[in-house]
C-alpha atoms as a PDB file:
ATOM      1  CA  MET A   1      80.361  68.280 -14.905  1.00  0.00           C
ATOM      2  CA  TYR A   2      81.413  65.788 -17.557  1.00  0.00           C
ATOM      3  CA  ILE A   3      78.610  63.969 -19.398  1.00  0.00           C
ATOM      4  CA  GLU A   4      79.065  61.080 -21.830  1.00  0.00           C
ATOM      5  CA  GLN A   5      76.137  59.852 -23.932  1.00  0.00           C
ATOM      6  CA  ARG A   6      75.841  56.506 -25.716  1.00  0.00           C
ATOM      7  CA  GLU A   7      73.069  54.593 -27.416  1.00  0.00           C
ATOM      8  CA  ILE A   8      73.657  50.906 -26.847  1.00  0.00           C
ATOM      9  CA  ILE A   9      70.526  49.322 -28.237  1.00  0.00           C
ATOM     10  CA  ILE A  10      67.924  50.934 -30.458  1.00  0.00           C
ATOM     11  CA  ARG A  11      65.801  53.217 -28.278  1.00  0.00           C
ATOM     12  CA  ILE A  12      67.912  52.605 -25.135  1.00  0.00           C
ATOM     13  CA  GLY A  13      70.557  55.157 -24.206  1.00  0.00           C
ATOM     14  CA  ILE A  14      73.118  55.599 -21.473  1.00  0.00           C
ATOM     15  CA  ILE A  15      74.153  58.870 -19.917  1.00  0.00           C
ATOM     16  CA  SER A  16      77.255  58.672 -17.709  1.00  0.00           C
ATOM     17  CA  LEU A  17      77.792  61.554 -15.313  1.00  0.00           C
ATOM     18  CA  GLN A  18      80.925  62.631 -13.501  1.00  0.00           C
ATOM     19  CA  GLY A  19      81.174  65.342 -10.858  1.00  0.00           C
ATOM     20  CA  ARG A  20      78.475  67.260  -9.023  1.00  0.00           C
ATOM     21  CA  LEU A  21      74.838  67.097 -10.058  1.00  0.00           C
ATOM     22  CA  ASP A  22      74.074  70.624  -8.865  1.00  0.00           C
ATOM     23  CA  GLU A  23      72.470  73.543 -10.729  1.00  0.00           C
ATOM     24  CA  GLU A  24      75.137  73.596 -13.447  1.00  0.00           C
ATOM     25  CA  GLY A  25      75.247  69.822 -13.787  1.00  0.00           C
ATOM     26  CA  ALA A  26      71.445  69.619 -13.795  1.00  0.00           C
ATOM     27  CA  ASP A  27      71.287  72.073 -16.694  1.00  0.00           C
ATOM     28  CA  GLN A  28      73.762  69.950 -18.660  1.00  0.00           C
ATOM     29  CA  LEU A  29      71.833  66.791 -17.799  1.00  0.00           C
ATOM     30  CA  ALA A  30      68.544  68.364 -18.929  1.00  0.00           C
ATOM     31  CA  LYS A  31      70.142  69.138 -22.298  1.00  0.00           C
ATOM     32  CA  ALA A  32      71.477  65.576 -22.579  1.00  0.00           C
ATOM     33  CA  LEU A  33      68.015  64.170 -21.772  1.00  0.00           C
ATOM     34  CA  GLU A  34      66.504  66.396 -24.455  1.00  0.00           C
ATOM     35  CA  GLN A  35      69.092  65.225 -27.004  1.00  0.00           C
ATOM     36  CA  GLN A  36      68.337  61.595 -26.205  1.00  0.00           C
ATOM     37  CA  SER A  37      64.608  62.245 -26.612  1.00  0.00           C
ATOM     38  CA  GLU A  38      65.218  63.906 -29.995  1.00  0.00           C
ATOM     39  CA  ARG A  39      67.090  60.761 -31.083  1.00  0.00           C
ATOM     40  CA  GLY A  40      64.015  58.666 -30.306  1.00  0.00           C
ATOM     41  CA  VAL A  41      65.393  57.026 -27.175  1.00  0.00           C
ATOM     42  CA  ASN A  42      62.568  55.904 -24.895  1.00  0.00           C
ATOM     43  CA  SER A  43      64.572  54.281 -22.094  1.00  0.00           C
ATOM     44  CA  LEU A  44      67.684  55.623 -20.412  1.00  0.00           C
ATOM     45  CA  LEU A  45      70.258  54.353 -17.992  1.00  0.00           C
ATOM     46  CA  VAL A  46      71.874  57.137 -15.989  1.00  0.00           C
ATOM     47  CA  ASP A  47      75.249  56.056 -14.612  1.00  0.00           C
ATOM     48  CA  LEU A  48      75.962  57.870 -11.339  1.00  0.00           C
ATOM     49  CA  HIS A  49      79.056  55.893 -10.251  1.00  0.00           C
ATOM     50  CA  ARG A  50      81.200  59.043 -10.471  1.00  0.00           C
ATOM     51  CA  VAL A  51      78.689  61.497  -8.983  1.00  0.00           C
ATOM     52  CA  ASN A  52      79.546  62.380  -5.394  1.00  0.00           C
ATOM     53  CA  PHE A  53      76.957  65.136  -4.832  1.00  0.00           C
ATOM     54  CA  ILE A  54      73.384  65.732  -5.902  1.00  0.00           C
ATOM     55  CA  ASN A  55      71.050  68.532  -4.879  1.00  0.00           C
ATOM     56  CA  SER A  56      67.328  69.150  -5.319  1.00  0.00           C
ATOM     57  CA  THR A  57      67.829  70.641  -8.785  1.00  0.00           C
ATOM     58  CA  GLY A  58      69.604  67.502  -9.955  1.00  0.00           C
ATOM     59  CA  VAL A  59      66.919  65.319  -8.399  1.00  0.00           C
ATOM     60  CA  ALA A  60      64.205  67.378 -10.121  1.00  0.00           C
ATOM     61  CA  VAL A  61      65.799  66.869 -13.553  1.00  0.00           C
ATOM     62  CA  LEU A  62      66.031  63.108 -12.979  1.00  0.00           C
ATOM     63  CA  VAL A  63      62.398  62.938 -11.813  1.00  0.00           C
ATOM     64  CA  GLY A  64      61.254  64.987 -14.813  1.00  0.00           C
ATOM     65  CA  GLY A  65      63.172  62.758 -17.199  1.00  0.00           C
ATOM     66  CA  MET A  66      61.747  59.640 -15.593  1.00  0.00           C
ATOM     67  CA  LYS A  67      58.177  60.963 -15.909  1.00  0.00           C
ATOM     68  CA  GLN A  68      58.653  61.830 -19.588  1.00  0.00           C
ATOM     69  CA  LEU A  69      60.105  58.437 -20.440  1.00  0.00           C
ATOM     70  CA  ARG A  70      57.496  56.483 -18.496  1.00  0.00           C
ATOM     71  CA  ALA A  71      54.749  58.464 -20.267  1.00  0.00           C
ATOM     72  CA  LYS A  72      56.187  57.096 -23.548  1.00  0.00           C
ATOM     73  CA  GLY A  73      56.241  53.533 -22.229  1.00  0.00           C
ATOM     74  CA  GLY A  74      59.939  53.627 -21.376  1.00  0.00           C
ATOM     75  CA  ASP A  75      61.924  54.086 -18.180  1.00  0.00           C
ATOM     76  CA  LEU A  76      64.837  55.942 -16.620  1.00  0.00           C
ATOM     77  CA  ARG A  77      66.994  53.655 -14.487  1.00  0.00           C
ATOM     78  CA  LEU A  78      69.833  54.696 -12.212  1.00  0.00           C
ATOM     79  CA  ILE A  79      73.159  52.891 -11.946  1.00  0.00           C
ATOM     80  CA  GLY A  80      75.776  53.084  -9.195  1.00  0.00           C
ATOM     81  CA  LEU A  81      74.217  55.530  -6.760  1.00  0.00           C
ATOM     82  CA  GLN A  82      76.998  56.466  -4.312  1.00  0.00           C
ATOM     83  CA  PRO A  83      76.419  56.713  -0.520  1.00  0.00           C
ATOM     84  CA  GLY A  84      75.940  60.507  -0.362  1.00  0.00           C
ATOM     85  CA  PRO A  85      73.467  60.758  -3.235  1.00  0.00           C
ATOM     86  CA  ARG A  86      71.818  57.488  -2.142  1.00  0.00           C
ATOM     87  CA  SER A  87      71.042  58.988   1.268  1.00  0.00           C
ATOM     88  CA  ILE A  88      69.275  61.904  -0.468  1.00  0.00           C
ATOM     89  CA  PHE A  89      67.185  59.474  -2.528  1.00  0.00           C
ATOM     90  CA  GLU A  90      66.312  57.450   0.581  1.00  0.00           C
ATOM     91  CA  LEU A  91      65.417  60.580   2.574  1.00  0.00           C
ATOM     92  CA  MET A  92      63.059  61.677  -0.209  1.00  0.00           C
ATOM     93  CA  ALA A  93      61.755  58.078  -0.668  1.00  0.00           C
ATOM     94  CA  LEU A  94      62.894  58.230  -4.295  1.00  0.00           C
ATOM     95  CA  ASP A  95      64.577  54.852  -3.913  1.00  0.00           C
ATOM     96  CA  LYS A  96      60.988  53.529  -4.039  1.00  0.00           C
ATOM     97  CA  VAL A  97      60.218  55.476  -7.252  1.00  0.00           C
ATOM     98  CA  PHE A  98      63.378  54.899  -9.304  1.00  0.00           C
ATOM     99  CA  THR A  99      64.766  51.511 -10.168  1.00  0.00           C
ATOM    100  CA  ILE A 100      68.373  51.551  -8.961  1.00  0.00           C
ATOM    101  CA  PHE A 101      71.034  49.057 -10.022  1.00  0.00           C
ATOM    102  CA  GLU A 102      74.711  48.530  -9.314  1.00  0.00           C
ATOM    103  CA  THR A 103      75.750  47.627 -12.866  1.00  0.00           C
ATOM    104  CA  GLU A 104      74.797  48.477 -16.429  1.00  0.00           C
ATOM    105  CA  ALA A 105      74.124  44.807 -17.206  1.00  0.00           C
ATOM    106  CA  GLU A 106      71.625  44.524 -14.335  1.00  0.00           C
ATOM    107  CA  ALA A 107      69.872  47.721 -15.413  1.00  0.00           C
ATOM    108  CA  LEU A 108      69.471  46.482 -18.987  1.00  0.00           C
ATOM    109  CA  LEU A 109      67.593  43.348 -17.957  1.00  0.00           C
ATOM    110  CA  GLY A 110      63.907  43.667 -18.668  1.00  0.00           C
ATOM    111  CA  LEU A 111      64.086  46.801 -20.819  1.00  0.00           C
END
């Protein structure tokens, strides 16, 4: 899995993922979330435009990250959820828990 990290505004970061968010990808994502937290980021946008598969391990890392950020008064927002991963989120009713946007600009509004 390829992961790109950016900080676009003070305390708001973006993590762009590419590939499969499976056990290996989830481990890499957990490390990226930790790095963002160490930098003082309290809100994250996770770009999933190029993620075609997500399993329960990947979902668990996203949920854990969201809980940590919300506990600090921030948020974890998802961008570009593709049809396969979106169906997993809908099946687990996580589309009601996460805020999901199509574009980075939309996700930034209100942060």
